Amino acid sequence: MSQRSIFVTGATGNQGQGVVRHCLTATSFVVYAMVRDPFSPESQSLKSSGAIIVRGNLDDETSLLSAFQETRPTALFINTPPGPGSQLLSRARNLISAAQATPSIKSVIHSSSAGVGRHTSFPGWGPELPSYDYWVAKDEIENLVRGAGFENWTIVRLATFLQLFVPPLSNHLFPELWSGPGGKRVLRTALKPKTKIDLVNGSDVGAVVAKVLSSPEAYRERVVDLAVEALTASELAEKISKSKGEPVEVVYEEEDELAKKLGPGGERLVAAQKMFNVLGCYIDVEKHRQEFRMTGVEEFFTKAQG
C-alpha cells in the first residue's frame, strides 16, 4: 500500500498553513502543499516544517491533474482563496474534476462557510445583496463535493475568522482597533449590543482535517459547523483588552453609516453583521471544544501582532 498523503490547496493562507501544520504534527500523512510561488517566505516556512512544496494553479485544471498524478495523494483539502463567486466556483470545479480523474484520492475535505444552508434566509436575500454571488457559489460547491462520488467527503463550515480583527484585514474592516485616534483602540460595529457572533481561528480547520484523516469513517458525509466561542461586540472587546493590556472602546453604528465609513468591503462586512443581528448564532461551540483542540479568543489575540 502506498504512503498515505494529503494535498493541501491554498497552503500559504491562514487555513492552508493550519492544515499543513496540524497534519504534520498529528498524523503520519505526507503533506503536499500547493503554492503559487515555491520561493516565497511562506512557502519556504512550510517546506522547513516538513511539507513537500508543489507549484499549482487553481485556474488550470490540466496543471492540477498533472500535480495529482505526480504526487498521487490519498486525500485532498479544498480551499479556494477569497474572490468573486464565479471564480470560487470555477476553481472548485477544476479541483473536483481533477480529483475525480485521480484514483488515489479517496477522501476530500472541503472548507466552506458557516451560513451555507441558511443563506436564503439572510436579510435582503436576492441578487442585490452584496455577497449574493458568494453564497450561491459556496452552496453550489458543497453540492459538487457531495455529488462527486468520492469514497469519503467532509465539509467544514467555518464561522467568522478572528483574523478579520487583526492586521492586515482589520486595517480595512476595523481600522481603529489597532491604531485609533490618539492611540485609543476602537471597535466600531453595526452589531446590536446583545448580538453574538460565532468566532474561530481560521487555522483551526487543520484540527478538523487531522481528525478526519485519522478517523475517516467517523466523518464520512459529515458537515462540521466550526466555532470556538460566540461573543457580543462588548465581550470580544473585553477579551482583546485583556490580552493586550489596553482598553478597547465599542462604538455601535447605524448599518448604512458604517458601510459608508469603511468604503470598499464595508457593504459585505455590514451585511454579515446585519445577518447576525437578525438570525443570531447557531453553532454548538461547547461540542466543538470537546471534539477539537481549538484556539480560544483570548489566546488568539495574546499571540496576534497588532
C-alpha atoms as a PDB file:
ATOM      1  CA  MET A   1       0.000   0.000   0.000  1.00  0.00           C
ATOM      2  CA  SER A   2       1.345   3.453  -0.930  1.00  0.00           C
ATOM      3  CA  GLN A   3       2.120   6.060   1.729  1.00  0.00           C
ATOM      4  CA  ARG A   4      -0.976   7.982   2.808  1.00  0.00           C
ATOM      5  CA  SER A   5      -0.760  11.648   1.894  1.00  0.00           C
ATOM      6  CA  ILE A   6      -2.825  14.810   1.703  1.00  0.00           C
ATOM      7  CA  PHE A   7      -2.700  17.508  -0.959  1.00  0.00           C
ATOM      8  CA  VAL A   8      -3.406  20.934   0.568  1.00  0.00           C
ATOM      9  CA  THR A   9      -4.617  23.773  -1.667  1.00  0.00           C
ATOM     10  CA  GLY A  10      -4.252  27.398  -0.612  1.00  0.00           C
ATOM     11  CA  ALA A  11      -1.387  26.213   1.573  1.00  0.00           C
ATOM     12  CA  THR A  12       0.128  29.603   2.379  1.00  0.00           C
ATOM     13  CA  GLY A  13      -3.113  31.148   3.682  1.00  0.00           C
ATOM     14  CA  ASN A  14      -4.437  31.051   7.231  1.00  0.00           C
ATOM     15  CA  GLN A  15      -6.409  27.866   6.636  1.00  0.00           C
ATOM     16  CA  GLY A  16      -3.829  26.115   4.500  1.00  0.00           C
ATOM     17  CA  GLN A  17      -0.972  26.744   6.900  1.00  0.00           C
ATOM     18  CA  GLY A  18      -3.101  25.440   9.741  1.00  0.00           C
ATOM     19  CA  VAL A  19      -3.938  22.261   7.825  1.00  0.00           C
ATOM     20  CA  VAL A  20      -0.308  21.663   6.885  1.00  0.00           C
ATOM     21  CA  ARG A  21       0.991  22.102  10.421  1.00  0.00           C
ATOM     22  CA  HIS A  22      -1.771  20.087  12.124  1.00  0.00           C
ATOM     23  CA  CYS A  23      -1.369  17.218   9.668  1.00  0.00           C
ATOM     24  CA  LEU A  24       2.417  17.163  10.073  1.00  0.00           C
ATOM     25  CA  THR A  25       2.214  17.036  13.856  1.00  0.00           C
ATOM     26  CA  ALA A  26      -0.919  14.935  14.421  1.00  0.00           C
ATOM     27  CA  THR A  27      -0.886  12.397  11.577  1.00  0.00           C
ATOM     28  CA  SER A  28       1.534  10.119   9.749  1.00  0.00           C
ATOM     29  CA  PHE A  29       0.456  11.544   6.397  1.00  0.00           C
ATOM     30  CA  VAL A  30       2.879  13.000   3.877  1.00  0.00           C
ATOM     31  CA  VAL A  31       1.774  16.597   3.267  1.00  0.00           C
ATOM     32  CA  TYR A  32       1.897  18.191  -0.173  1.00  0.00           C
ATOM     33  CA  ALA A  33       1.440  21.968  -0.012  1.00  0.00           C
ATOM     34  CA  MET A  34       0.264  23.581  -3.228  1.00  0.00           C
ATOM     35  CA  VAL A  35       1.554  27.126  -3.695  1.00  0.00           C
ATOM     36  CA  ARG A  36       1.829  29.684  -6.482  1.00  0.00           C
ATOM     37  CA  ASP A  37       5.349  30.761  -5.565  1.00  0.00           C
ATOM     38  CA  PRO A  38       7.577  27.993  -4.132  1.00  0.00           C
ATOM     39  CA  PHE A  39      10.218  30.545  -3.124  1.00  0.00           C
ATOM     40  CA  SER A  40       8.020  32.894  -1.091  1.00  0.00           C
ATOM     41  CA  PRO A  41       8.799  33.161   2.653  1.00  0.00           C
ATOM     42  CA  GLU A  42       5.511  31.404   3.462  1.00  0.00           C
ATOM     43  CA  SER A  43       6.305  28.508   1.112  1.00  0.00           C
ATOM     44  CA  GLN A  44       9.825  28.143   2.479  1.00  0.00           C
ATOM     45  CA  SER A  45       8.452  28.118   6.023  1.00  0.00           C
ATOM     46  CA  LEU A  46       6.101  25.260   5.116  1.00  0.00           C
ATOM     47  CA  LYS A  47       8.986  23.410   3.493  1.00  0.00           C
ATOM     48  CA  SER A  48      11.091  23.833   6.634  1.00  0.00           C
ATOM     49  CA  SER A  49       8.272  22.370   8.715  1.00  0.00           C
ATOM     50  CA  GLY A  50       8.297  19.179   6.629  1.00  0.00           C
ATOM     51  CA  ALA A  51       5.791  19.791   3.821  1.00  0.00           C
ATOM     52  CA  ILE A  52       6.591  18.952   0.211  1.00  0.00           C
ATOM     53  CA  ILE A  53       6.058  22.057  -1.902  1.00  0.00           C
ATOM     54  CA  VAL A  54       4.147  21.702  -5.182  1.00  0.00           C
ATOM     55  CA  ARG A  55       3.602  24.558  -7.617  1.00  0.00           C
ATOM     56  CA  GLY A  56      -0.007  24.730  -8.796  1.00  0.00           C
ATOM     57  CA  ASN A  57      -2.596  26.911 -10.481  1.00  0.00           C
ATOM     58  CA  LEU A  58      -6.248  26.645  -9.478  1.00  0.00           C
ATOM     59  CA  ASP A  59      -7.284  28.249 -12.761  1.00  0.00           C
ATOM     60  CA  ASP A  60      -5.647  25.476 -14.829  1.00  0.00           C
ATOM     61  CA  GLU A  61      -7.311  22.066 -14.481  1.00  0.00           C
ATOM     62  CA  THR A  62      -4.587  20.412 -16.580  1.00  0.00           C
ATOM     63  CA  SER A  63      -1.868  21.583 -14.203  1.00  0.00           C
ATOM     64  CA  LEU A  64      -3.885  20.329 -11.225  1.00  0.00           C
ATOM     65  CA  LEU A  65      -4.358  16.923 -12.815  1.00  0.00           C
ATOM     66  CA  SER A  66      -0.638  16.755 -13.534  1.00  0.00           C
ATOM     67  CA  ALA A  67       0.163  17.651  -9.902  1.00  0.00           C
ATOM     68  CA  PHE A  68      -2.233  14.983  -8.597  1.00  0.00           C
ATOM     69  CA  GLN A  69      -0.830  12.328 -10.916  1.00  0.00           C
ATOM     70  CA  GLU A  70       2.709  13.201  -9.865  1.00  0.00           C
ATOM     71  CA  THR A  71       2.033  13.147  -6.110  1.00  0.00           C
ATOM     72  CA  ARG A  72      -0.799  10.562  -6.005  1.00  0.00           C
ATOM     73  CA  PRO A  73      -2.335  11.861  -2.768  1.00  0.00           C
ATOM     74  CA  THR A  74      -4.917   9.797  -0.898  1.00  0.00           C
ATOM     75  CA  ALA A  75      -6.692  12.881   0.495  1.00  0.00           C
ATOM     76  CA  LEU A  76      -7.400  16.397  -0.750  1.00  0.00           C
ATOM     77  CA  PHE A  77      -8.124  19.610   1.157  1.00  0.00           C
ATOM     78  CA  ILE A  78     -10.140  22.008  -0.994  1.00  0.00           C
ATOM     79  CA  ASN A  79      -9.724  25.645  -0.048  1.00  0.00           C
ATOM     80  CA  THR A  80     -10.273  28.270  -2.732  1.00  0.00           C
ATOM     81  CA  PRO A  81      -8.845  31.726  -1.901  1.00  0.00           C
ATOM     82  CA  PRO A  82     -11.256  34.671  -1.499  1.00  0.00           C
ATOM     83  CA  GLY A  83     -12.637  36.092  -4.725  1.00  0.00           C
ATOM     84  CA  PRO A  84     -15.788  36.654  -6.771  1.00  0.00           C
ATOM     85  CA  GLY A  85     -18.354  33.869  -6.639  1.00  0.00           C
ATOM     86  CA  SER A  86     -17.737  32.904 -10.272  1.00  0.00           C
ATOM     87  CA  GLN A  87     -14.020  32.498  -9.576  1.00  0.00           C
ATOM     88  CA  LEU A  88     -14.629  30.423  -6.443  1.00  0.00           C
ATOM     89  CA  LEU A  89     -16.903  28.107  -8.389  1.00  0.00           C
ATOM     90  CA  SER A  90     -14.580  27.799 -11.395  1.00  0.00           C
ATOM     91  CA  ARG A  91     -11.576  26.919  -9.221  1.00  0.00           C
ATOM     92  CA  ALA A  92     -13.547  24.414  -7.168  1.00  0.00           C
ATOM     93  CA  ARG A  93     -14.785  22.742 -10.343  1.00  0.00           C
ATOM     94  CA  ASN A  94     -11.210  22.449 -11.603  1.00  0.00           C
ATOM     95  CA  LEU A  95     -10.097  20.820  -8.354  1.00  0.00           C
ATOM     96  CA  ILE A  96     -13.034  18.429  -8.139  1.00  0.00           C
ATOM     97  CA  SER A  97     -12.750  17.408 -11.789  1.00  0.00           C
ATOM     98  CA  ALA A  98      -9.007  16.746 -11.488  1.00  0.00           C
ATOM     99  CA  ALA A  99      -9.565  14.821  -8.247  1.00  0.00           C
ATOM    100  CA  GLN A 100     -12.270  12.666  -9.850  1.00  0.00           C
ATOM    101  CA  ALA A 101      -9.729  11.691 -12.503  1.00  0.00           C
ATOM    102  CA  THR A 102      -7.167  10.693  -9.852  1.00  0.00           C
ATOM    103  CA  PRO A 103      -7.923   7.174  -8.499  1.00  0.00           C
ATOM    104  CA  SER A 104      -5.613   7.539  -5.485  1.00  0.00           C
ATOM    105  CA  ILE A 105      -7.780  10.300  -3.934  1.00  0.00           C
ATOM    106  CA  LYS A 106     -10.252   8.617  -1.584  1.00  0.00           C
ATOM    107  CA  SER A 107     -11.044  11.430   0.854  1.00  0.00           C
ATOM    108  CA  VAL A 108     -11.933  15.067   0.228  1.00  0.00           C
ATOM    109  CA  ILE A 109     -12.261  17.701   2.952  1.00  0.00           C
ATOM    110  CA  HIS A 110     -13.798  20.959   1.763  1.00  0.00           C
ATOM    111  CA  SER A 111     -13.571  24.281   3.586  1.00  0.00           C
ATOM    112  CA  SER A 112     -16.863  26.161   3.400  1.00  0.00           C
ATOM    113  CA  SER A 113     -18.567  28.957   5.318  1.00  0.00           C
ATOM    114  CA  ALA A 114     -20.933  28.887   8.279  1.00  0.00           C
ATOM    115  CA  GLY A 115     -24.220  30.163   6.944  1.00  0.00           C
ATOM    116  CA  VAL A 116     -24.391  27.961   3.851  1.00  0.00           C
ATOM    117  CA  GLY A 117     -27.758  26.247   4.072  1.00  0.00           C
ATOM    118  CA  ARG A 118     -29.245  29.250   5.864  1.00  0.00           C
ATOM    119  CA  HIS A 119     -28.202  31.815   3.273  1.00  0.00           C
ATOM    120  CA  THR A 120     -31.622  32.152   1.608  1.00  0.00           C
ATOM    121  CA  SER A 121     -32.974  33.430   4.936  1.00  0.00           C
ATOM    122  CA  PHE A 122     -30.414  36.256   5.154  1.00  0.00           C
ATOM    123  CA  PRO A 123     -31.896  39.776   5.431  1.00  0.00           C
ATOM    124  CA  GLY A 124     -32.407  41.208   1.950  1.00  0.00           C
ATOM    125  CA  TRP A 125     -31.633  37.882   0.266  1.00  0.00           C
ATOM    126  CA  GLY A 126     -31.534  38.287  -3.512  1.00  0.00           C
ATOM    127  CA  PRO A 127     -29.219  39.405  -6.331  1.00  0.00           C
ATOM    128  CA  GLU A 128     -28.965  42.900  -4.819  1.00  0.00           C
ATOM    129  CA  LEU A 129     -27.254  41.572  -1.676  1.00  0.00           C
ATOM    130  CA  PRO A 130     -23.503  42.429  -1.874  1.00  0.00           C
ATOM    131  CA  SER A 131     -22.472  38.846  -1.049  1.00  0.00           C
ATOM    132  CA  TYR A 132     -25.218  37.105  -3.072  1.00  0.00           C
ATOM    133  CA  ASP A 133     -22.874  35.546  -5.666  1.00  0.00           C
ATOM    134  CA  TYR A 134     -20.519  34.389  -2.914  1.00  0.00           C
ATOM    135  CA  TRP A 135     -23.211  32.429  -1.061  1.00  0.00           C
ATOM    136  CA  VAL A 136     -24.699  30.964  -4.229  1.00  0.00           C
ATOM    137  CA  ALA A 137     -21.229  29.748  -5.246  1.00  0.00           C
ATOM    138  CA  LYS A 138     -20.490  28.324  -1.797  1.00  0.00           C
ATOM    139  CA  ASP A 139     -23.743  26.381  -1.818  1.00  0.00           C
ATOM    140  CA  GLU A 140     -23.088  25.004  -5.297  1.00  0.00           C
ATOM    141  CA  ILE A 141     -19.543  23.952  -4.386  1.00  0.00           C
ATOM    142  CA  GLU A 142     -20.839  21.979  -1.397  1.00  0.00           C
ATOM    143  CA  ASN A 143     -23.302  20.212  -3.694  1.00  0.00           C
ATOM    144  CA  LEU A 144     -20.494  19.416  -6.143  1.00  0.00           C
ATOM    145  CA  VAL A 145     -18.431  17.853  -3.354  1.00  0.00           C
ATOM    146  CA  ARG A 146     -21.386  15.773  -2.173  1.00  0.00           C
ATOM    147  CA  GLY A 147     -22.176  14.510  -5.643  1.00  0.00           C
ATOM    148  CA  ALA A 148     -18.661  13.912  -6.964  1.00  0.00           C
ATOM    149  CA  GLY A 149     -18.569  10.256  -5.962  1.00  0.00           C
ATOM    150  CA  PHE A 150     -15.600  10.362  -3.572  1.00  0.00           C
ATOM    151  CA  GLU A 151     -15.323   7.457  -1.139  1.00  0.00           C
ATOM    152  CA  ASN A 152     -15.188   9.909   1.781  1.00  0.00           C
ATOM    153  CA  TRP A 153     -16.133  13.567   1.921  1.00  0.00           C
ATOM    154  CA  THR A 154     -16.365  16.021   4.796  1.00  0.00           C
ATOM    155  CA  ILE A 155     -17.434  19.660   4.693  1.00  0.00           C
ATOM    156  CA  VAL A 156     -16.167  22.099   7.326  1.00  0.00           C
ATOM    157  CA  ARG A 157     -18.148  25.327   7.600  1.00  0.00           C
ATOM    158  CA  LEU A 158     -16.074  27.928   9.407  1.00  0.00           C
ATOM    159  CA  ALA A 159     -17.515  30.781  11.454  1.00  0.00           C
ATOM    160  CA  THR A 160     -16.276  34.394  11.351  1.00  0.00           C
ATOM    161  CA  PHE A 161     -12.476  34.394  11.269  1.00  0.00           C
ATOM    162  CA  LEU A 162     -10.656  36.010  14.176  1.00  0.00           C
ATOM    163  CA  GLN A 163      -8.095  37.041  11.551  1.00  0.00           C
ATOM    164  CA  LEU A 164     -10.568  39.728  10.415  1.00  0.00           C
ATOM    165  CA  PHE A 165      -9.840  41.608  13.636  1.00  0.00           C
ATOM    166  CA  VAL A 166      -6.044  41.797  13.237  1.00  0.00           C
ATOM    167  CA  PRO A 167      -3.824  43.357  10.543  1.00  0.00           C
ATOM    168  CA  PRO A 168      -3.755  43.302   7.614  1.00  0.00           C
ATOM    169  CA  LEU A 169      -7.506  42.576   7.261  1.00  0.00           C
ATOM    170  CA  SER A 170      -8.501  44.769  10.200  1.00  0.00           C
ATOM    171  CA  ASN A 171      -6.841  47.751   8.505  1.00  0.00           C
ATOM    172  CA  HIS A 172      -9.857  47.869   6.184  1.00  0.00           C
ATOM    173  CA  LEU A 173     -12.646  46.363   8.306  1.00  0.00           C
ATOM    174  CA  PHE A 174     -11.812  47.641  11.813  1.00  0.00           C
ATOM    175  CA  PRO A 175      -9.262  50.391  11.123  1.00  0.00           C
ATOM    176  CA  GLU A 176      -9.395  51.954  14.602  1.00  0.00           C
ATOM    177  CA  LEU A 177      -8.953  48.725  16.530  1.00  0.00           C
ATOM    178  CA  TRP A 178      -5.159  48.848  16.422  1.00  0.00           C
ATOM    179  CA  SER A 179      -4.425  52.467  15.529  1.00  0.00           C
ATOM    180  CA  GLY A 180      -7.322  54.664  16.560  1.00  0.00           C
ATOM    181  CA  PRO A 181      -7.209  58.453  17.110  1.00  0.00           C
ATOM    182  CA  GLY A 182      -4.957  59.412  19.996  1.00  0.00           C
ATOM    183  CA  GLY A 183      -3.775  55.832  20.415  1.00  0.00           C
ATOM    184  CA  LYS A 184      -7.212  54.627  21.556  1.00  0.00           C
ATOM    185  CA  ARG A 185      -8.450  51.218  20.450  1.00  0.00           C
ATOM    186  CA  VAL A 186     -11.965  51.417  18.993  1.00  0.00           C
ATOM    187  CA  LEU A 187     -14.138  48.554  17.774  1.00  0.00           C
ATOM    188  CA  ARG A 188     -16.695  50.191  15.504  1.00  0.00           C
ATOM    189  CA  THR A 189     -19.557  47.857  14.586  1.00  0.00           C
ATOM    190  CA  ALA A 190     -23.096  47.580  13.230  1.00  0.00           C
ATOM    191  CA  LEU A 191     -23.812  44.663  15.558  1.00  0.00           C
ATOM    192  CA  LYS A 192     -26.501  45.319  18.146  1.00  0.00           C
ATOM    193  CA  PRO A 193     -25.310  45.305  21.780  1.00  0.00           C
ATOM    194  CA  LYS A 194     -26.910  41.919  22.516  1.00  0.00           C
ATOM    195  CA  THR A 195     -25.990  40.238  19.219  1.00  0.00           C
ATOM    196  CA  LYS A 196     -23.497  37.401  19.467  1.00  0.00           C
ATOM    197  CA  ILE A 197     -21.295  36.243  16.597  1.00  0.00           C
ATOM    198  CA  ASP A 198     -19.639  32.853  16.158  1.00  0.00           C
ATOM    199  CA  LEU A 199     -15.854  33.141  16.000  1.00  0.00           C
ATOM    200  CA  VAL A 200     -12.987  30.820  15.060  1.00  0.00           C
ATOM    201  CA  ASN A 201      -9.279  30.902  14.286  1.00  0.00           C
ATOM    202  CA  GLY A 202      -9.200  30.053  10.565  1.00  0.00           C
ATOM    203  CA  SER A 203      -6.092  27.927  11.082  1.00  0.00           C
ATOM    204  CA  ASP A 204      -8.023  25.598  13.385  1.00  0.00           C
ATOM    205  CA  VAL A 205      -9.657  23.929  10.395  1.00  0.00           C
ATOM    206  CA  GLY A 206      -6.424  21.938  10.482  1.00  0.00           C
ATOM    207  CA  ALA A 207      -7.525  20.302  13.738  1.00  0.00           C
ATOM    208  CA  VAL A 208     -10.626  19.003  11.964  1.00  0.00           C
ATOM    209  CA  VAL A 209      -8.694  17.820   8.923  1.00  0.00           C
ATOM    210  CA  ALA A 210      -6.240  15.877  11.101  1.00  0.00           C
ATOM    211  CA  LYS A 211      -9.176  14.182  12.872  1.00  0.00           C
ATOM    212  CA  VAL A 212     -10.810  13.314   9.557  1.00  0.00           C
ATOM    213  CA  LEU A 213      -7.617  11.746   8.262  1.00  0.00           C
ATOM    214  CA  SER A 214      -7.243   9.688  11.441  1.00  0.00           C
ATOM    215  CA  SER A 215     -10.885   8.527  11.517  1.00  0.00           C
ATOM    216  CA  PRO A 216     -12.375   8.883   8.018  1.00  0.00           C
ATOM    217  CA  GLU A 217     -15.348   6.629   8.744  1.00  0.00           C
ATOM    218  CA  ALA A 218     -16.412   8.799  11.694  1.00  0.00           C
ATOM    219  CA  TYR A 219     -16.504  11.909   9.493  1.00  0.00           C
ATOM    220  CA  ARG A 220     -17.785  10.372   6.255  1.00  0.00           C
ATOM    221  CA  GLU A 221     -20.506  12.533   4.674  1.00  0.00           C
ATOM    222  CA  ARG A 222     -20.477  14.835   7.662  1.00  0.00           C
ATOM    223  CA  VAL A 223     -20.854  18.632   7.788  1.00  0.00           C
ATOM    224  CA  VAL A 224     -18.995  20.294  10.664  1.00  0.00           C
ATOM    225  CA  ASP A 225     -20.002  23.856  11.627  1.00  0.00           C
ATOM    226  CA  LEU A 226     -16.896  25.133  13.405  1.00  0.00           C
ATOM    227  CA  ALA A 227     -16.668  27.900  16.025  1.00  0.00           C
ATOM    228  CA  VAL A 228     -14.800  28.219  19.311  1.00  0.00           C
ATOM    229  CA  GLU A 229     -16.790  30.997  21.036  1.00  0.00           C
ATOM    230  CA  ALA A 230     -19.915  33.096  20.494  1.00  0.00           C
ATOM    231  CA  LEU A 231     -19.455  36.669  21.769  1.00  0.00           C
ATOM    232  CA  THR A 232     -21.105  40.080  21.691  1.00  0.00           C
ATOM    233  CA  ALA A 233     -19.012  43.014  20.474  1.00  0.00           C
ATOM    234  CA  SER A 234     -18.501  44.102  24.101  1.00  0.00           C
ATOM    235  CA  GLU A 235     -17.384  40.615  25.143  1.00  0.00           C
ATOM    236  CA  LEU A 236     -14.974  40.486  22.203  1.00  0.00           C
ATOM    237  CA  ALA A 237     -13.585  43.923  23.083  1.00  0.00           C
ATOM    238  CA  GLU A 238     -13.100  42.810  26.686  1.00  0.00           C
ATOM    239  CA  LYS A 239     -11.074  39.784  25.603  1.00  0.00           C
ATOM    240  CA  ILE A 240      -8.919  41.901  23.277  1.00  0.00           C
ATOM    241  CA  SER A 241      -8.398  44.402  26.101  1.00  0.00           C
ATOM    242  CA  LYS A 242      -7.324  41.681  28.494  1.00  0.00           C
ATOM    243  CA  SER A 243      -4.943  40.047  26.025  1.00  0.00           C
ATOM    244  CA  LYS A 244      -3.280  43.344  25.038  1.00  0.00           C
ATOM    245  CA  GLY A 245      -3.463  45.147  28.359  1.00  0.00           C
ATOM    246  CA  GLU A 246      -5.169  48.161  26.772  1.00  0.00           C
ATOM    247  CA  PRO A 247      -8.847  49.180  26.829  1.00  0.00           C
ATOM    248  CA  VAL A 248     -10.958  48.739  23.697  1.00  0.00           C
ATOM    249  CA  GLU A 249     -13.977  51.004  23.270  1.00  0.00           C
ATOM    250  CA  VAL A 250     -17.016  49.678  21.401  1.00  0.00           C
ATOM    251  CA  VAL A 251     -18.904  52.144  19.207  1.00  0.00           C
ATOM    252  CA  TYR A 252     -22.248  50.998  17.803  1.00  0.00           C
ATOM    253  CA  GLU A 253     -23.036  52.495  14.401  1.00  0.00           C
ATOM    254  CA  GLU A 254     -26.061  52.520  12.123  1.00  0.00           C
ATOM    255  CA  GLU A 255     -25.588  49.934   9.386  1.00  0.00           C
ATOM    256  CA  ASP A 256     -25.643  52.306   6.400  1.00  0.00           C
ATOM    257  CA  GLU A 257     -23.379  54.842   8.103  1.00  0.00           C
ATOM    258  CA  LEU A 258     -20.746  52.252   8.955  1.00  0.00           C
ATOM    259  CA  ALA A 259     -20.758  50.830   5.409  1.00  0.00           C
ATOM    260  CA  LYS A 260     -20.062  54.320   4.042  1.00  0.00           C
ATOM    261  CA  LYS A 261     -17.226  54.946   6.503  1.00  0.00           C
ATOM    262  CA  LEU A 262     -15.480  51.684   5.702  1.00  0.00           C
ATOM    263  CA  GLY A 263     -15.574  52.129   1.939  1.00  0.00           C
ATOM    264  CA  PRO A 264     -14.706  49.098  -0.241  1.00  0.00           C
ATOM    265  CA  GLY A 265     -15.549  45.936   1.651  1.00  0.00           C
ATOM    266  CA  GLY A 266     -17.753  47.774   4.102  1.00  0.00           C
ATOM    267  CA  GLU A 267     -21.002  46.677   2.480  1.00  0.00           C
ATOM    268  CA  ARG A 268     -20.151  42.987   2.795  1.00  0.00           C
ATOM    269  CA  LEU A 269     -19.000  43.311   6.399  1.00  0.00           C
ATOM    270  CA  VAL A 270     -22.123  45.220   7.399  1.00  0.00           C
ATOM    271  CA  ALA A 271     -24.343  42.732   5.522  1.00  0.00           C
ATOM    272  CA  ALA A 272     -22.778  39.933   7.574  1.00  0.00           C
ATOM    273  CA  GLN A 273     -23.319  41.835  10.821  1.00  0.00           C
ATOM    274  CA  LYS A 274     -26.905  42.581   9.805  1.00  0.00           C
ATOM    275  CA  MET A 275     -27.420  38.853   9.261  1.00  0.00           C
ATOM    276  CA  PHE A 276     -26.199  38.126  12.801  1.00  0.00           C
ATOM    277  CA  ASN A 277     -28.485  40.862  14.170  1.00  0.00           C
ATOM    278  CA  VAL A 278     -31.498  39.123  12.627  1.00  0.00           C
ATOM    279  CA  LEU A 279     -30.627  35.418  12.763  1.00  0.00           C
ATOM    280  CA  GLY A 280     -28.174  35.187  15.665  1.00  0.00           C
ATOM    281  CA  CYS A 281     -25.756  32.308  16.314  1.00  0.00           C
ATOM    282  CA  TYR A 282     -26.500  28.630  15.897  1.00  0.00           C
ATOM    283  CA  ILE A 283     -23.215  26.694  16.223  1.00  0.00           C
ATOM    284  CA  ASP A 284     -22.765  24.361  19.204  1.00  0.00           C
ATOM    285  CA  VAL A 285     -19.435  25.724  20.410  1.00  0.00           C
ATOM    286  CA  GLU A 286     -19.301  23.534  23.520  1.00  0.00           C
ATOM    287  CA  LYS A 287     -19.456  20.404  21.390  1.00  0.00           C
ATOM    288  CA  HIS A 288     -16.616  21.616  19.202  1.00  0.00           C
ATOM    289  CA  ARG A 289     -14.366  22.483  22.102  1.00  0.00           C
ATOM    290  CA  GLN A 290     -14.719  18.900  23.316  1.00  0.00           C
ATOM    291  CA  GLU A 291     -14.199  17.368  19.873  1.00  0.00           C
ATOM    292  CA  PHE A 292     -11.322  19.509  18.571  1.00  0.00           C
ATOM    293  CA  ARG A 293      -8.425  21.370  20.148  1.00  0.00           C
ATOM    294  CA  MET A 294      -9.050  24.961  19.084  1.00  0.00           C
ATOM    295  CA  THR A 295      -7.581  28.357  19.861  1.00  0.00           C
ATOM    296  CA  GLY A 296      -9.585  30.404  22.359  1.00  0.00           C
ATOM    297  CA  VAL A 297     -10.325  34.035  21.508  1.00  0.00           C
ATOM    298  CA  GLU A 298      -8.137  35.494  24.252  1.00  0.00           C
ATOM    299  CA  GLU A 299      -5.333  33.074  23.377  1.00  0.00           C
ATOM    300  CA  PHE A 300      -5.555  34.117  19.727  1.00  0.00           C
ATOM    301  CA  PHE A 301      -5.232  37.842  20.480  1.00  0.00           C
ATOM    302  CA  THR A 302      -2.426  37.284  23.005  1.00  0.00           C
ATOM    303  CA  LYS A 303      -0.342  35.769  20.199  1.00  0.00           C
ATOM    304  CA  ALA A 304      -1.549  38.111  17.431  1.00  0.00           C
ATOM    305  CA  GLN A 305       0.532  41.049  16.287  1.00  0.00           C
ATOM    306  CA  GLY A 306      -1.237  44.380  16.440  1.00  0.00           C
END
